[in-house]
Each structure stands twice: as structure tokens, then as C-alpha cells.
Amino acid sequence: MTKLGACEVPFYPEFIGDCSNFIISLGKLESLKNIPEIVGLLNGSSELRLGRIKPLCSMGKAPEQPLVSSKPESSPGVAPPPPPRLRREEGRNGVRAPKTRLAVGVVLIGAIVYSMTYQLADLHLCQLTSPLQVTEAPSIADRDTIAKRESGVTENSPMRLRMEALIKEKQNEIVAALQKLDPSNKFRIDTWTRPTGGGGISCVQQDGHVFEKAGVNTSIVYGTLPRPAIEKMRVNHKAIDPDVDSLEFFAAGLSLVLHPQNPNAPTVHLNYRYFETMDKDGNCNAWWFGGGTDLTPSYLYDEDAIHFHKSIKDACDKHDRSYYPRFKSWCDKYFYIPHRGEARGVGGIFFDDLDQEEKDQEQLFSFVKDCLSSFLPGYLPIIGRRKDMPFGEREKQWQQLRRGRYVEFNLVHDRGTSFGLNTPSARVESILMSLPLTARWIYMHEAEKGSREERMLGVLRHPADWI
């Protein structure tokens, strides 16, 4: 180990660079940064260039010119003076103890070169490790990761961290409850990360006894909004700074879609999310919540629709009695397939862009928590009643046709799917998890008059009030 300033680092020979054209100077060592020159005073001469000293990697090669010339200089036409009588300890060139001097010189030069390269290596490592080095500041995602690791997530944590913790907790609860319905078909759990920060957990079950396909996903996204996106969002969120060309953002959401095997059991969808824009230091600039849940049956059972809507209404009424009718109407309008003239299902609730103009952040966070908690009590009794009912080929074919409508809405009209697919480094498999494993399109299909299929179509074309 050696010290350079306040930095103590080991020496690594591989840092030795091209040290050619050194000049040796006894008692003087020039700046290491600019490949020092060393000038040596040897054998009583005022200054003697020792020529090129190769890098250590080339020390085995002969120097390009001798260290001391063996030929005395003479003027043209003048005979050189005769050499003086040499003493016993002098060499042929008149240098006292030449072998000893040469040995000492080689050792001295080697020590100086070694020391210099040693310090060069130390300097390089010190620059890499010194706290004074100017480096790129850690990203907001990196700082959040450190905060979670060191302090955990508490009520005093930023809302983005609290929302992330909530959706992961609810994901675990929901997956555990669904797994009990079909213990033999385990959920596949994939944990993934995003290059710009964040990541997610995808829990998917396929070809099970209860669900043809079931997905429960969480997604955490850190990124940067370009100016066109900022201008578009400012339409609904005036708190966003209009004078910036880009903004950091955070998005977190829990998304769930369950497609049962049995045509008598309804498909269900849920999504609750939080979005936040930030400055470079991670301070919140603007925020909002969104989400909802809706039921999509192939065959209508009124008691199922009533139970599902009542569970949601109870959660809404804890916070604002206007929420259920308002968000139920919003759901009917949002989950509508214009080119078919049909709703996707029998609805539920849907809301978006709920910010400080609606209620304060804590109140809205509490509302979202209660909505998430109402899901299992609202859906498990329904799937429990329908999953083992008998059905035939006709019912299965109708289910496949209705799933075709589901695909049409998600790929053509759903904003969540569009946002996900257009997000850089998007995980497409997780986004398209919402699509059923199978679907069907039959040319010019017509439901039989007076059939259960026709009754279902009537409700989809004219949404009903269930409670």
C-alpha cells in the first residue's frame, strides 16, 4: 500500500504507461501528470542525458543510444591528446570504478522509474476513488432504492414509495387467494428490472383448472417525459411546470386480469395506479391517482353483477358518496367499443387524474387502498359459484366470441395498453398479459332470438344500474 494525499491505494503494475524519453535529474522530479523528466548528474558532469529509457514492459530491449560515449570528442585536423596513465582502480575509459558506478546507476535509475510509476498508479487509483472526483449524481431510482434499504417505507416516505409498497402487498394477497382455487397449477412468478430504474413482478397462471389465463402484475417505472408529453398532461394537471423541456416521472401500478375456463364464470379486470412528476432532486412536482375494476361475463347472472357492484360501492361510500355513481358512469363510457356499439362488460368503476383538486393526497391514497381491499370479497364468491358449472360446446364458442371483443378493446382503445407499449424499454409480455389465451371471430355471427346470448348483448348495448 502507498499514500497519495488522503488516498491510500494498492499498486497495480498494469497502470504503467508509455514512459519513453525520460530525462533523469538527481534531486528534481517534474510533474507526474505530464510524464516527468528526470535529469541526473553523474560522474561530475553538469548535466548528462541518459537517453531513452523504455517503459517497464520494454526493459529487455537495448537502449537506442549509449548512456556514456566511449569515444572522446576531437576537433577536425587536431590529433587527440594521449590518454593519461590509468590508476589500477580506473577502467580503460578513465572512469574510476566503472563497474561499481554502472551497478549503482542501474539500481538508482530503476528505483526512480519504479517509484515514479508506483506514484502514477496511485494517482490514477486515487482519482477513481477520491470523494473529490466529479461524478454523475445518482438517479432518483438509485436514491429511492437506498432509502428503502436503509430506512424502509413508512408513513413519512414519499408517496411513490408508499404506493409501490401497497401494490406489492396486495399482489401477494391476491395471488395467494387465487392459488388456493387451483393448488396444482402454480403461478409463474417473474421479477424483472428496467434499465432506467424500477421494474416489476409478473405472476401468471395458464391452462389451469379454474383459469385459462390469470395475470397479476406490478410495474414500477422511472423515466423522463419529453416536452410534447408534458404539454399534453398539463391539460389535466396545471401543477406541471410549463417552462421545462423534460421532466422526471414515476409510475406505479397493480394490474390484474382473470380469464376463467368456464363460460359461466366472468372475466374480471382491475388496475390501480399512481403517477408523479419530479424535479432532478426527486421533489414531487405534480401527482395523481387512477384506476378501477370491471366485470366482463359471457353469460349474465344478475346476482353476480349486483354483488360485484355492491362491493365497490361500499368502498367508495367510505370516502365520498358521490364516487360510486360518478365513477360507475365513467366506467360505462370508458369500457365501450365504438366500432361494435357495445360495452366490454357490465362495468364497475373507473377514474383517472385524481389530484389535489379532487382531495388531498392522503385521502386519495386511502381511497385507493380500500378499493384494492374490496376486490377479493367482491370476486371470490362469484368465481366460487361458477367455476364448476356444466357447459357445452355452444357456451364455449360464445365465450370465445366475447373474448374476441375483449381483445379488440384492449388493442384499439385501452389507454393503459397504449401507454405501456409506447414506454421505452417496455416489457411487452407483461403488458399483453391482459389478453386471453384463446379468442374467436366468426363472420357475421348473430345471436339466436330469445337466447341467453341475446340477453347478454342487450345489456352490453344498454348498460344497466345494478344497485
Protein backbone atom coordinates (compact mmCIF):
# COMPACT_ATOMS: atom_id res chain seq x y z
CA MET A 1 0.00 0.00 0.00
CA THR A 2 1.06 3.63 -0.57
CA LYS A 3 -0.44 7.01 0.20
CA LEU A 4 -1.04 9.84 -2.24
CA GLY A 5 -2.61 12.76 -0.44
CA ALA A 6 -5.52 11.36 1.61
CA CYS A 7 -5.94 8.35 -0.63
CA GLU A 8 -4.40 5.00 0.30
CA VAL A 9 -4.42 2.53 -2.54
CA PRO A 10 -2.55 -0.58 -3.66
CA PHE A 11 -0.07 -0.55 -6.54
CA TYR A 12 -1.09 -2.26 -9.73
CA PRO A 13 1.67 -2.65 -12.34
CA GLU A 14 -0.86 -2.75 -15.16
CA PHE A 15 -1.32 1.01 -14.83
CA ILE A 16 2.24 1.64 -16.11
CA GLY A 17 2.04 3.60 -19.34
CA ASP A 18 4.42 4.69 -22.04
CA CYS A 19 7.36 6.15 -20.12
CA SER A 20 9.74 6.64 -23.03
CA ASN A 21 12.05 9.67 -23.44
CA PHE A 22 12.61 10.13 -19.69
CA ILE A 23 15.41 12.53 -18.64
CA ILE A 24 16.99 11.81 -15.26
CA SER A 25 17.74 14.63 -12.80
CA LEU A 26 19.14 13.95 -9.37
CA GLY A 27 17.11 15.86 -6.80
CA LYS A 28 14.43 17.07 -9.26
CA LEU A 29 11.18 15.26 -10.20
CA GLU A 30 8.88 17.13 -12.53
CA SER A 31 5.08 16.86 -12.64
CA LEU A 32 3.89 13.25 -12.80
CA LYS A 33 0.83 14.31 -14.70
CA ASN A 34 2.79 15.29 -17.79
CA ILE A 35 5.19 12.28 -17.87
CA PRO A 36 8.05 13.55 -15.68
CA GLU A 37 11.53 14.24 -16.86
CA ILE A 38 14.40 13.13 -14.68
CA VAL A 39 17.76 14.77 -15.12
CA GLY A 40 20.80 13.19 -13.48
CA LEU A 41 24.21 14.46 -12.59
CA LEU A 42 26.56 11.54 -12.94
CA ASN A 43 30.35 11.31 -12.92
CA GLY A 44 30.82 15.03 -12.12
CA SER A 45 29.26 16.33 -15.37
CA SER A 46 26.94 19.34 -15.22
CA GLU A 47 24.07 17.52 -16.97
CA LEU A 48 24.10 14.21 -18.72
CA ARG A 49 21.25 12.88 -20.78
CA LEU A 50 20.96 9.20 -20.30
CA GLY A 51 18.96 8.80 -23.47
CA ARG A 52 15.64 6.97 -23.84
CA ILE A 53 14.50 4.81 -21.00
CA LYS A 54 11.90 2.37 -22.25
CA PRO A 55 8.69 1.55 -20.35
CA LEU A 56 8.98 -1.33 -17.91
CA CYS A 57 7.26 -3.56 -20.41
CA SER A 58 10.23 -2.91 -22.79
CA MET A 59 13.13 -3.06 -20.35
CA GLY A 60 14.54 -6.13 -22.04
CA LYS A 61 15.37 -4.11 -25.18
CA ALA A 62 18.70 -2.34 -25.69
CA PRO A 63 18.66 1.45 -25.30
CA GLU A 64 18.58 3.40 -28.52
CA GLN A 65 21.88 5.20 -27.65
CA PRO A 66 24.64 4.54 -25.12
CA LEU A 67 24.48 6.17 -21.73
CA VAL A 68 28.09 7.45 -21.89
CA SER A 69 30.03 7.80 -25.11
CA SER A 70 33.24 5.67 -25.18
CA LYS A 71 34.81 7.85 -27.91
CA PRO A 72 36.44 11.16 -26.86
CA GLU A 73 35.46 14.16 -28.96
CA SER A 74 38.21 15.83 -31.16
CA SER A 75 38.39 18.81 -33.47
CA PRO A 76 38.99 18.22 -37.18
CA GLY A 77 42.72 18.13 -38.06
CA VAL A 78 43.85 18.01 -34.44
CA ALA A 79 45.21 14.79 -33.04
CA PRO A 80 43.62 13.70 -29.80
CA PRO A 81 45.84 14.02 -26.69
CA PRO A 82 47.32 10.83 -25.42
CA PRO A 83 45.31 9.14 -22.68
CA PRO A 84 46.62 9.62 -19.12
CA ARG A 85 48.07 6.75 -17.18
CA LEU A 86 45.27 4.87 -15.59
CA ARG A 87 45.26 4.02 -11.99
CA ARG A 88 44.69 0.41 -11.03
CA GLU A 89 41.08 1.07 -9.97
CA GLU A 90 40.21 3.08 -13.15
CA GLY A 91 38.79 1.49 -16.27
CA ARG A 92 40.03 1.85 -19.75
CA ASN A 93 37.93 4.96 -20.35
CA GLY A 94 39.39 6.78 -17.34
CA VAL A 95 36.28 6.37 -15.13
CA ARG A 96 37.01 5.39 -11.57
CA ALA A 97 35.38 2.03 -10.57
CA PRO A 98 33.24 1.79 -13.74
CA LYS A 99 31.51 -1.48 -12.84
CA THR A 100 30.52 -0.22 -9.42
CA ARG A 101 29.24 3.05 -10.87
CA LEU A 102 27.30 1.22 -13.53
CA ALA A 103 25.70 -1.11 -10.97
CA VAL A 104 24.80 1.76 -8.66
CA GLY A 105 23.46 3.81 -11.59
CA VAL A 106 21.26 1.00 -12.85
CA VAL A 107 19.85 0.45 -9.35
CA LEU A 108 19.29 4.20 -8.89
CA ILE A 109 17.58 4.66 -12.24
CA GLY A 110 15.43 1.58 -11.70
CA ALA A 111 14.39 2.78 -8.25
CA ILE A 112 13.43 6.21 -9.57
CA VAL A 113 11.44 4.78 -12.51
CA TYR A 114 9.73 2.23 -10.26
CA SER A 115 8.85 4.88 -7.67
CA MET A 116 7.50 7.15 -10.36
CA THR A 117 5.29 4.51 -11.95
CA TYR A 118 4.18 3.44 -8.47
CA GLN A 119 3.01 7.01 -7.81
CA LEU A 120 1.39 7.24 -11.24
CA ALA A 121 -0.65 4.16 -10.42
CA ASP A 122 -1.56 5.58 -7.02
CA LEU A 123 -2.55 8.86 -8.61
CA HIS A 124 -4.77 7.08 -11.13
CA LEU A 125 -6.49 4.98 -8.45
CA CYS A 126 -6.86 7.94 -6.15
CA GLN A 127 -8.63 9.83 -8.92
CA LEU A 128 -11.02 6.90 -9.33
CA THR A 129 -11.79 6.65 -5.61
CA SER A 130 -11.35 10.17 -4.32
CA PRO A 131 -14.52 11.79 -2.93
CA LEU A 132 -13.44 14.99 -4.64
CA GLN A 133 -13.89 13.43 -8.07
CA VAL A 134 -16.82 14.94 -10.00
CA THR A 135 -19.13 12.09 -10.99
CA GLU A 136 -22.67 11.84 -12.29
CA ALA A 137 -25.19 12.20 -9.47
CA PRO A 138 -27.19 9.07 -8.57
CA SER A 139 -30.56 8.83 -10.27
CA ILE A 140 -33.84 9.24 -8.42
CA ALA A 141 -34.38 5.50 -8.76
CA ASP A 142 -30.99 4.84 -7.15
CA ARG A 143 -31.72 7.22 -4.28
CA ASP A 144 -35.12 5.60 -3.70
CA THR A 145 -33.52 2.15 -3.63
CA ILE A 146 -31.03 3.31 -1.00
CA ALA A 147 -33.79 4.93 1.08
CA LYS A 148 -35.87 1.73 1.06
CA ARG A 149 -32.86 -0.38 2.01
CA GLU A 150 -31.68 1.90 4.81
CA SER A 151 -34.96 3.16 6.32
CA GLY A 152 -37.74 1.01 4.88
CA VAL A 153 -41.07 2.55 3.85
CA THR A 154 -43.01 4.48 6.47
CA GLU A 155 -45.87 6.97 6.58
CA ASN A 156 -43.28 9.72 6.19
CA SER A 157 -41.81 8.23 3.00
CA PRO A 158 -42.56 9.82 -0.39
CA MET A 159 -45.91 8.76 -1.79
CA ARG A 160 -44.26 6.96 -4.69
CA LEU A 161 -42.55 4.57 -2.25
CA ARG A 162 -45.73 4.05 -0.24
CA MET A 163 -47.73 3.25 -3.38
CA GLU A 164 -45.07 0.79 -4.51
CA ALA A 165 -45.20 -0.96 -1.14
CA LEU A 166 -49.02 -1.09 -1.23
CA ILE A 167 -49.36 -2.67 -4.66
CA LYS A 168 -46.73 -5.30 -3.86
CA GLU A 169 -48.53 -6.18 -0.65
CA LYS A 170 -51.89 -6.51 -2.45
CA GLN A 171 -50.32 -8.52 -5.25
CA ASN A 172 -49.12 -11.09 -2.72
CA GLU A 173 -52.56 -11.26 -1.08
CA ILE A 174 -54.43 -11.73 -4.37
CA VAL A 175 -52.03 -14.34 -5.80
CA ALA A 176 -52.20 -16.35 -2.59
CA ALA A 177 -56.01 -16.32 -2.63
CA LEU A 178 -56.23 -17.32 -6.31
CA GLN A 179 -53.66 -20.06 -5.85
CA LYS A 180 -55.95 -21.72 -3.29
CA LEU A 181 -58.60 -22.11 -6.01
CA ASP A 182 -56.22 -24.23 -8.11
CA PRO A 183 -53.36 -25.50 -5.93
CA SER A 184 -51.92 -27.86 -8.55
CA ASN A 185 -51.32 -25.15 -11.16
CA LYS A 186 -48.70 -22.84 -9.70
CA PHE A 187 -48.34 -19.23 -10.73
CA ARG A 188 -45.21 -18.47 -12.69
CA ILE A 189 -43.52 -15.52 -10.99
CA ASP A 190 -41.08 -13.37 -12.98
CA THR A 191 -39.18 -10.49 -11.41
CA TRP A 192 -37.70 -8.04 -13.89
CA THR A 193 -35.90 -4.69 -13.89
CA ARG A 194 -35.80 -1.67 -16.18
CA PRO A 195 -32.53 -0.07 -17.36
CA THR A 196 -33.72 3.42 -16.35
CA GLY A 197 -34.91 2.31 -12.92
CA GLY A 198 -37.76 0.34 -11.48
CA GLY A 199 -39.08 -2.97 -12.74
CA GLY A 200 -41.88 -5.28 -11.80
CA ILE A 201 -43.23 -8.66 -10.77
CA SER A 202 -45.39 -10.67 -13.16
CA CYS A 203 -47.44 -13.55 -11.73
CA VAL A 204 -49.15 -15.59 -14.45
CA GLN A 205 -51.12 -18.84 -14.47
CA GLN A 206 -52.13 -20.58 -17.72
CA ASP A 207 -54.20 -23.63 -18.69
CA GLY A 208 -55.34 -24.28 -15.15
CA HIS A 209 -58.50 -25.98 -13.91
CA VAL A 210 -60.11 -22.67 -12.91
CA PHE A 211 -58.42 -20.06 -15.10
CA GLU A 212 -57.47 -20.37 -18.72
CA LYS A 213 -55.19 -17.41 -18.09
CA ALA A 214 -54.69 -15.30 -14.97
CA GLY A 215 -52.21 -12.49 -14.53
CA VAL A 216 -51.46 -10.28 -11.53
CA ASN A 217 -48.69 -7.78 -12.29
CA THR A 218 -46.98 -4.91 -10.56
CA SER A 219 -44.95 -2.38 -12.51
CA ILE A 220 -42.65 0.42 -11.35
CA VAL A 221 -41.41 2.90 -13.96
CA TYR A 222 -38.87 5.73 -13.68
CA GLY A 223 -38.33 7.81 -16.80
CA THR A 224 -38.21 11.22 -18.47
CA LEU A 225 -41.14 12.96 -20.15
CA PRO A 226 -40.36 14.93 -23.33
CA ARG A 227 -41.92 18.33 -23.86
CA PRO A 228 -44.84 17.09 -26.07
CA ALA A 229 -45.91 14.71 -23.30
CA ILE A 230 -45.61 17.48 -20.70
CA GLU A 231 -47.85 19.78 -22.74
CA LYS A 232 -50.43 17.03 -23.14
CA MET A 233 -50.50 16.27 -19.41
CA ARG A 234 -50.81 19.93 -18.46
CA VAL A 235 -54.33 19.90 -19.90
CA ASN A 236 -55.45 17.99 -16.79
CA HIS A 237 -52.64 18.91 -14.36
CA LYS A 238 -51.84 22.61 -14.12
CA ALA A 239 -49.23 21.99 -11.40
CA ILE A 240 -46.82 20.67 -14.04
CA ASP A 241 -44.12 23.23 -14.85
CA PRO A 242 -44.78 24.53 -18.39
CA ASP A 243 -41.32 26.02 -18.86
CA VAL A 244 -39.20 22.86 -18.91
CA ASP A 245 -38.19 20.74 -21.87
CA SER A 246 -38.25 17.49 -19.90
CA LEU A 247 -39.42 16.16 -16.55
CA GLU A 248 -38.59 13.11 -14.49
CA PHE A 249 -41.58 10.88 -13.81
CA PHE A 250 -42.56 7.88 -11.71
CA ALA A 251 -45.43 5.48 -12.31
CA ALA A 252 -46.55 2.52 -10.23
CA GLY A 253 -49.50 0.22 -10.78
CA LEU A 254 -51.11 -3.09 -9.99
CA SER A 255 -52.89 -4.67 -12.96
CA LEU A 256 -54.95 -7.86 -12.89
CA VAL A 257 -56.92 -9.82 -15.49
CA LEU A 258 -58.55 -13.21 -14.85
CA HIS A 259 -59.99 -15.26 -17.75
CA PRO A 260 -61.80 -18.35 -16.34
CA GLN A 261 -62.12 -21.67 -18.15
CA ASN A 262 -65.85 -21.96 -17.50
CA PRO A 263 -68.04 -19.76 -19.75
CA ASN A 264 -70.41 -19.20 -16.82
CA ALA A 265 -67.65 -17.52 -14.81
CA PRO A 266 -66.93 -13.87 -15.69
CA THR A 267 -63.64 -12.33 -16.66
CA VAL A 268 -62.55 -9.58 -14.28
CA HIS A 269 -60.10 -6.71 -14.64
CA LEU A 270 -58.51 -4.44 -12.03
CA ASN A 271 -55.95 -1.65 -12.23
CA TYR A 272 -54.90 0.93 -9.66
CA ARG A 273 -52.01 3.28 -10.33
CA TYR A 274 -50.14 6.38 -9.20
CA PHE A 275 -48.25 8.88 -11.38
CA GLU A 276 -45.84 11.59 -10.29
CA THR A 277 -43.58 14.13 -11.98
CA MET A 278 -40.42 15.32 -10.22
CA ASP A 279 -37.54 17.73 -10.47
CA LYS A 280 -33.95 16.49 -10.76
CA ASP A 281 -33.71 16.16 -6.97
CA GLY A 282 -36.74 13.89 -6.73
CA ASN A 283 -39.08 16.54 -5.30
CA CYS A 284 -42.68 15.99 -6.40
CA ASN A 285 -43.93 18.45 -9.00
CA ALA A 286 -47.39 17.03 -9.76
CA TRP A 287 -49.19 13.78 -8.86
CA TRP A 288 -52.42 11.89 -9.47
CA PHE A 289 -54.16 8.55 -8.92
CA GLY A 290 -56.15 6.45 -11.38
CA GLY A 291 -57.73 3.05 -11.65
CA GLY A 292 -60.83 0.95 -11.32
CA THR A 293 -62.23 -2.54 -11.77
CA ASP A 294 -64.88 -4.06 -14.04
CA LEU A 295 -66.65 -7.38 -14.66
CA THR A 296 -66.97 -8.98 -18.11
CA PRO A 297 -69.30 -12.01 -18.16
CA SER A 298 -70.11 -14.14 -21.19
CA TYR A 299 -73.42 -15.16 -19.63
CA LEU A 300 -75.30 -12.79 -17.36
CA TYR A 301 -76.14 -13.70 -13.78
CA ASP A 302 -77.81 -10.71 -12.18
CA GLU A 303 -76.80 -11.71 -8.65
CA ASP A 304 -73.12 -11.71 -9.71
CA ALA A 305 -73.31 -8.20 -11.16
CA ILE A 306 -75.18 -6.92 -8.10
CA HIS A 307 -72.68 -8.41 -5.65
CA PHE A 308 -69.69 -7.08 -7.59
CA HIS A 309 -71.10 -3.54 -7.79
CA LYS A 310 -72.15 -3.51 -4.14
CA SER A 311 -68.63 -4.40 -3.01
CA ILE A 312 -67.23 -1.48 -4.98
CA LYS A 313 -69.92 0.93 -3.82
CA ASP A 314 -69.21 0.12 -0.18
CA ALA A 315 -65.53 1.02 -0.69
CA CYS A 316 -66.44 4.27 -2.46
CA ASP A 317 -69.02 5.33 0.13
CA LYS A 318 -66.38 5.28 2.90
CA HIS A 319 -64.77 8.30 1.25
CA ASP A 320 -67.37 10.12 -0.83
CA ARG A 321 -70.94 9.05 -1.60
CA SER A 322 -70.69 10.71 -4.99
CA TYR A 323 -67.80 8.48 -6.02
CA TYR A 324 -69.71 5.33 -6.98
CA PRO A 325 -72.32 6.87 -9.33
CA ARG A 326 -69.73 9.19 -10.82
CA PHE A 327 -67.08 6.52 -11.38
CA LYS A 328 -69.61 3.89 -12.47
CA SER A 329 -70.80 6.18 -15.26
CA TRP A 330 -67.17 6.90 -16.20
CA CYS A 331 -66.54 3.14 -16.41
CA ASP A 332 -69.52 2.55 -18.71
CA LYS A 333 -68.23 5.24 -21.07
CA TYR A 334 -64.58 4.18 -20.96
CA PHE A 335 -65.01 0.42 -21.48
CA TYR A 336 -67.05 0.88 -24.63
CA ILE A 337 -66.23 -0.49 -28.09
CA PRO A 338 -67.40 2.19 -30.54
CA HIS A 339 -66.98 0.11 -33.70
CA ARG A 340 -69.21 -2.60 -32.17
CA GLY A 341 -71.68 -0.35 -30.37
CA GLU A 342 -71.23 -2.48 -27.23
CA ALA A 343 -69.77 -2.15 -23.76
CA ARG A 344 -66.99 -4.57 -22.92
CA GLY A 345 -68.86 -5.90 -19.90
CA VAL A 346 -71.27 -4.98 -17.09
CA GLY A 347 -68.96 -2.32 -15.72
CA GLY A 348 -67.71 -1.37 -12.30
CA ILE A 349 -65.82 1.86 -11.59
CA PHE A 350 -63.16 3.81 -13.45
CA PHE A 351 -61.40 7.07 -12.58
CA ASP A 352 -58.26 8.92 -13.65
CA ASP A 353 -56.30 12.09 -12.93
CA LEU A 354 -57.48 12.43 -9.32
CA ASP A 355 -55.14 15.03 -7.81
CA GLN A 356 -55.16 17.86 -5.25
CA GLU A 357 -58.12 19.46 -6.99
CA GLU A 358 -60.17 16.37 -6.01
CA LYS A 359 -58.90 15.72 -2.48
CA ASP A 360 -55.58 15.78 -0.69
CA GLN A 361 -53.01 13.08 -1.35
CA GLU A 362 -53.58 11.12 1.87
CA GLN A 363 -57.34 10.92 1.34
CA LEU A 364 -56.97 9.65 -2.21
CA PHE A 365 -54.31 7.14 -1.19
CA SER A 366 -56.69 5.80 1.48
CA PHE A 367 -59.47 5.55 -1.12
CA VAL A 368 -57.27 3.51 -3.46
CA LYS A 369 -56.28 1.20 -0.59
CA ASP A 370 -59.94 0.48 0.22
CA CYS A 371 -60.76 -0.17 -3.44
CA LEU A 372 -57.92 -2.69 -3.65
CA SER A 373 -59.05 -4.36 -0.43
CA SER A 374 -62.60 -4.76 -1.78
CA PHE A 375 -61.53 -6.87 -4.77
CA LEU A 376 -61.25 -10.35 -3.24
CA PRO A 377 -64.55 -10.12 -1.29
CA GLY A 378 -66.19 -8.85 -4.47
CA TYR A 379 -64.93 -11.56 -6.85
CA LEU A 380 -64.13 -14.76 -4.94
CA PRO A 381 -67.79 -15.63 -4.16
CA ILE A 382 -68.63 -15.24 -7.87
CA ILE A 383 -65.86 -17.49 -9.17
CA GLY A 384 -66.63 -19.96 -6.40
CA ARG A 385 -70.24 -20.29 -7.61
CA ARG A 386 -69.48 -20.57 -11.33
CA LYS A 387 -66.17 -22.39 -11.82
CA ASP A 388 -67.64 -25.92 -11.68
CA MET A 389 -70.94 -25.36 -13.51
CA PRO A 390 -71.58 -27.63 -16.52
CA PHE A 391 -71.25 -26.20 -20.04
CA GLY A 392 -71.11 -27.42 -23.65
CA GLU A 393 -69.58 -26.52 -27.00
CA ARG A 394 -72.14 -23.79 -27.68
CA GLU A 395 -71.27 -21.97 -24.45
CA LYS A 396 -67.57 -22.30 -25.12
CA GLN A 397 -67.93 -20.87 -28.62
CA TRP A 398 -69.86 -17.88 -27.29
CA GLN A 399 -67.20 -17.29 -24.66
CA GLN A 400 -64.56 -17.22 -27.39
CA LEU A 401 -66.55 -14.63 -29.36
CA ARG A 402 -66.86 -12.39 -26.30
CA ARG A 403 -63.14 -12.69 -25.71
CA GLY A 404 -62.58 -11.52 -29.25
CA ARG A 405 -64.40 -8.31 -28.25
CA TYR A 406 -62.12 -8.06 -25.21
CA VAL A 407 -59.06 -8.24 -27.45
CA GLU A 408 -60.45 -5.57 -29.78
CA PHE A 409 -60.97 -3.12 -26.95
CA ASN A 410 -57.58 -3.68 -25.33
CA LEU A 411 -55.56 -3.33 -28.51
CA VAL A 412 -57.54 -0.50 -30.10
CA HIS A 413 -58.93 1.66 -27.30
CA ASP A 414 -57.29 0.95 -23.96
CA ARG A 415 -55.03 3.82 -22.84
CA GLY A 416 -53.12 1.67 -20.38
CA THR A 417 -52.07 -0.78 -23.09
CA SER A 418 -51.11 2.08 -25.40
CA PHE A 419 -49.07 3.84 -22.68
CA GLY A 420 -47.28 0.62 -21.79
CA LEU A 421 -46.36 -0.31 -25.35
CA ASN A 422 -45.08 3.21 -26.05
CA THR A 423 -42.92 3.41 -22.92
CA PRO A 424 -39.19 2.93 -23.68
CA SER A 425 -37.84 -0.46 -22.55
CA ALA A 426 -41.40 -1.72 -22.04
CA ARG A 427 -41.86 -5.36 -21.05
CA VAL A 428 -44.32 -6.38 -23.75
CA GLU A 429 -45.13 -9.81 -22.28
CA SER A 430 -46.36 -8.19 -19.08
CA ILE A 431 -48.42 -5.58 -20.93
CA LEU A 432 -50.14 -8.13 -23.16
CA MET A 433 -50.78 -10.40 -20.19
CA SER A 434 -54.32 -8.98 -20.25
CA LEU A 435 -55.18 -10.80 -23.49
CA PRO A 436 -56.95 -14.15 -23.23
CA LEU A 437 -55.16 -17.34 -24.18
CA THR A 438 -57.81 -18.06 -26.84
CA ALA A 439 -60.38 -15.97 -28.72
CA ARG A 440 -62.56 -16.33 -31.80
CA TRP A 441 -64.03 -14.27 -34.62
CA ILE A 442 -66.92 -15.67 -36.65
CA TYR A 443 -68.03 -13.83 -39.76
CA MET A 444 -71.49 -12.21 -39.41
CA HIS A 445 -72.41 -14.07 -36.25
CA GLU A 446 -75.94 -13.43 -34.96
CA ALA A 447 -77.26 -14.39 -31.53
CA GLU A 448 -80.34 -16.58 -31.56
CA LYS A 449 -83.59 -14.80 -30.70
CA GLY A 450 -84.65 -15.22 -27.07
CA SER A 451 -81.36 -16.88 -26.12
CA ARG A 452 -79.10 -16.16 -23.18
CA GLU A 453 -76.59 -14.79 -25.67
CA GLU A 454 -79.13 -12.26 -26.95
CA ARG A 455 -79.95 -11.16 -23.38
CA MET A 456 -76.26 -10.58 -22.74
CA LEU A 457 -75.98 -8.44 -25.87
CA GLY A 458 -78.96 -6.35 -24.77
CA VAL A 459 -77.26 -5.38 -21.52
CA LEU A 460 -73.97 -4.64 -23.29
CA ARG A 461 -75.74 -2.28 -25.70
CA HIS A 462 -77.70 -0.56 -22.94
CA PRO A 463 -75.74 -0.52 -19.65
CA ALA A 464 -77.86 -1.12 -16.55
CA ASP A 465 -77.81 0.25 -13.00
CA TRP A 466 -77.23 -2.74 -10.75
CA ILE A 467 -77.82 -1.21 -7.32
